Amino acid sequence: MISRVKSFIGRRFKDYNGGPKQGHEFRTLGKMGIILRWKDGMLNDDGEHPAVEFEDFHFEHFRGGLLHNDGRWPDGTLKPAIVSVSGGAVEYYIDGEQVSP
């Protein structure tokens, strides 16, 4: 698995007031900037952007805290849930289970 946020998978996170995290959040992991998108405390795509975007163009799609992308390209092939290093490595997931494209 090439996910950079393995420890976030399937976990629910709270905000500073104790409620579930919602919306977009910018953080740094080490020296790298990252945007995280939350829904009900879990990583979740916002409908337009992936749930996780690193500044080096690594991104990961989530639904309900699990790796997930059931989107299709125009030719019908599955879109990847994880794209690492500008497309050099990809993995496909549906509801947290790795699948073949």
C-alpha atoms as a PDB file:
ATOM      1  CA  MET A   1       0.000   0.000   0.000  1.00  0.00           C
ATOM      2  CA  ILE A   2       1.377   3.389  -1.008  1.00  0.00           C
ATOM      3  CA  SER A   3      -0.945   5.467   1.201  1.00  0.00           C
ATOM      4  CA  ARG A   4       0.840   8.178   3.161  1.00  0.00           C
ATOM      5  CA  VAL A   5      -1.979   8.431   5.705  1.00  0.00           C
ATOM      6  CA  LYS A   6      -2.411   4.771   6.691  1.00  0.00           C
ATOM      7  CA  SER A   7      -2.942   5.703  10.336  1.00  0.00           C
ATOM      8  CA  PHE A   8      -6.000   7.796   9.339  1.00  0.00           C
ATOM      9  CA  ILE A   9      -7.833   4.983   7.530  1.00  0.00           C
ATOM     10  CA  GLY A  10     -11.114   4.031   9.202  1.00  0.00           C
ATOM     11  CA  ARG A  11     -10.586   6.441  12.103  1.00  0.00           C
ATOM     12  CA  ARG A  12     -12.866   9.250  13.234  1.00  0.00           C
ATOM     13  CA  PHE A  13     -11.215  12.531  14.260  1.00  0.00           C
ATOM     14  CA  LYS A  14     -12.535  15.339  16.442  1.00  0.00           C
ATOM     15  CA  ASP A  15     -12.086  19.073  16.130  1.00  0.00           C
ATOM     16  CA  TYR A  16     -10.915  21.398  18.932  1.00  0.00           C
ATOM     17  CA  ASN A  17     -14.449  21.577  20.356  1.00  0.00           C
ATOM     18  CA  GLY A  18     -14.846  17.802  20.552  1.00  0.00           C
ATOM     19  CA  GLY A  19     -17.159  17.515  17.539  1.00  0.00           C
ATOM     20  CA  PRO A  20     -16.335  15.562  14.383  1.00  0.00           C
ATOM     21  CA  LYS A  21     -13.965  17.297  11.972  1.00  0.00           C
ATOM     22  CA  GLN A  22     -15.694  18.861   8.980  1.00  0.00           C
ATOM     23  CA  GLY A  23     -14.520  20.632   5.835  1.00  0.00           C
ATOM     24  CA  HIS A  24     -11.009  21.383   4.621  1.00  0.00           C
ATOM     25  CA  GLU A  25      -7.868  21.490   6.756  1.00  0.00           C
ATOM     26  CA  PHE A  26      -4.310  22.489   5.865  1.00  0.00           C
ATOM     27  CA  ARG A  27      -1.452  20.935   7.858  1.00  0.00           C
ATOM     28  CA  THR A  28       2.171  20.116   7.475  1.00  0.00           C
ATOM     29  CA  LEU A  29       3.552  16.605   7.809  1.00  0.00           C
ATOM     30  CA  GLY A  30       7.263  17.049   8.281  1.00  0.00           C
ATOM     31  CA  LYS A  31       8.151  19.794   5.804  1.00  0.00           C
ATOM     32  CA  MET A  32       5.360  18.978   3.343  1.00  0.00           C
ATOM     33  CA  GLY A  33       2.016  20.749   3.120  1.00  0.00           C
ATOM     34  CA  ILE A  34      -1.129  18.640   2.967  1.00  0.00           C
ATOM     35  CA  ILE A  35      -4.823  19.388   2.536  1.00  0.00           C
ATOM     36  CA  LEU A  36      -7.236  17.041   4.299  1.00  0.00           C
ATOM     37  CA  ARG A  37     -10.975  16.976   3.665  1.00  0.00           C
ATOM     38  CA  TRP A  38     -13.315  15.748   6.394  1.00  0.00           C
ATOM     39  CA  LYS A  39     -16.931  14.706   6.679  1.00  0.00           C
ATOM     40  CA  ASP A  40     -18.323  13.611  10.025  1.00  0.00           C
ATOM     41  CA  GLY A  41     -14.787  13.206  11.384  1.00  0.00           C
ATOM     42  CA  MET A  42     -13.538  10.897   8.626  1.00  0.00           C
ATOM     43  CA  LEU A  43     -11.514  11.511   5.494  1.00  0.00           C
ATOM     44  CA  ASN A  44     -13.885  12.014   2.595  1.00  0.00           C
ATOM     45  CA  ASP A  45     -13.666  13.481  -0.913  1.00  0.00           C
ATOM     46  CA  ASP A  46     -15.714  16.664  -1.214  1.00  0.00           C
ATOM     47  CA  GLY A  47     -17.218  15.788  -4.609  1.00  0.00           C
ATOM     48  CA  GLU A  48     -14.690  17.877  -6.505  1.00  0.00           C
ATOM     49  CA  HIS A  49     -11.352  17.176  -4.798  1.00  0.00           C
ATOM     50  CA  PRO A  50      -9.692  14.131  -3.232  1.00  0.00           C
ATOM     51  CA  ALA A  51      -9.729  13.783   0.546  1.00  0.00           C
ATOM     52  CA  VAL A  52      -5.920  14.004   0.754  1.00  0.00           C
ATOM     53  CA  GLU A  53      -3.659  16.219  -1.365  1.00  0.00           C
ATOM     54  CA  PHE A  54       0.063  16.612  -0.758  1.00  0.00           C
ATOM     55  CA  GLU A  55       1.970  19.520  -2.275  1.00  0.00           C
ATOM     56  CA  ASP A  56       4.097  17.103  -4.351  1.00  0.00           C
ATOM     57  CA  PHE A  57       0.900  16.000  -6.201  1.00  0.00           C
ATOM     58  CA  HIS A  58       0.407  12.744  -4.278  1.00  0.00           C
ATOM     59  CA  PHE A  59      -3.333  12.384  -3.684  1.00  0.00           C
ATOM     60  CA  GLU A  60      -5.731   9.880  -2.153  1.00  0.00           C
ATOM     61  CA  HIS A  61      -9.488   9.471  -2.530  1.00  0.00           C
ATOM     62  CA  PHE A  62     -11.621   8.428   0.448  1.00  0.00           C
ATOM     63  CA  ARG A  63     -15.263   7.834   1.236  1.00  0.00           C
ATOM     64  CA  GLY A  64     -16.329   7.453   4.847  1.00  0.00           C
ATOM     65  CA  GLY A  65     -12.741   7.074   6.058  1.00  0.00           C
ATOM     66  CA  LEU A  66     -11.865   4.275   3.612  1.00  0.00           C
ATOM     67  CA  LEU A  67      -9.825   4.438   0.422  1.00  0.00           C
ATOM     68  CA  HIS A  68     -12.348   4.627  -2.374  1.00  0.00           C
ATOM     69  CA  ASN A  69     -12.737   5.849  -5.944  1.00  0.00           C
ATOM     70  CA  ASP A  70     -15.432   4.346  -8.136  1.00  0.00           C
ATOM     71  CA  GLY A  71     -15.098   7.040 -10.798  1.00  0.00           C
ATOM     72  CA  ARG A  72     -14.527   5.926 -14.386  1.00  0.00           C
ATOM     73  CA  TRP A  73     -12.552   7.357 -17.291  1.00  0.00           C
ATOM     74  CA  PRO A  74     -14.430   7.945 -20.579  1.00  0.00           C
ATOM     75  CA  ASP A  75     -13.259   4.528 -21.819  1.00  0.00           C
ATOM     76  CA  GLY A  76     -14.889   2.857 -18.782  1.00  0.00           C
ATOM     77  CA  THR A  77     -11.723   1.974 -16.857  1.00  0.00           C
ATOM     78  CA  LEU A  78     -11.614   2.646 -13.135  1.00  0.00           C
ATOM     79  CA  LYS A  79      -9.881   5.785 -11.834  1.00  0.00           C
ATOM     80  CA  PRO A  80      -7.223   5.201  -9.150  1.00  0.00           C
ATOM     81  CA  ALA A  81      -7.867   5.909  -5.471  1.00  0.00           C
ATOM     82  CA  ILE A  82      -4.188   6.727  -4.884  1.00  0.00           C
ATOM     83  CA  VAL A  83      -1.847   8.506  -7.264  1.00  0.00           C
ATOM     84  CA  SER A  84       1.711   8.912  -6.025  1.00  0.00           C
ATOM     85  CA  VAL A  85       4.519  11.042  -7.388  1.00  0.00           C
ATOM     86  CA  SER A  86       2.669  12.581 -10.334  1.00  0.00           C
ATOM     87  CA  GLY A  87       1.164   9.315 -11.563  1.00  0.00           C
ATOM     88  CA  GLY A  88       4.283   7.149 -11.223  1.00  0.00           C
ATOM     89  CA  ALA A  89       2.448   4.724  -8.938  1.00  0.00           C
ATOM     90  CA  VAL A  90      -1.289   4.131  -8.615  1.00  0.00           C
ATOM     91  CA  GLU A  91      -3.568   1.852  -6.586  1.00  0.00           C
ATOM     92  CA  TYR A  92      -7.281   1.181  -6.928  1.00  0.00           C
ATOM     93  CA  TYR A  93      -9.719   0.786  -4.019  1.00  0.00           C
ATOM     94  CA  ILE A  94     -13.460   0.391  -3.636  1.00  0.00           C
ATOM     95  CA  ASP A  95     -14.832   0.676  -0.074  1.00  0.00           C
ATOM     96  CA  GLY A  96     -11.358   0.110   1.385  1.00  0.00           C
ATOM     97  CA  GLU A  97     -10.634  -3.058  -0.608  1.00  0.00           C
ATOM     98  CA  GLN A  98      -7.842  -3.031  -3.183  1.00  0.00           C
ATOM     99  CA  VAL A  99      -9.146  -3.957  -6.650  1.00  0.00           C
ATOM    100  CA  SER A 100      -7.773  -4.361 -10.175  1.00  0.00           C
ATOM    101  CA  PRO A 101      -8.521  -1.580 -12.661  1.00  0.00           C
END
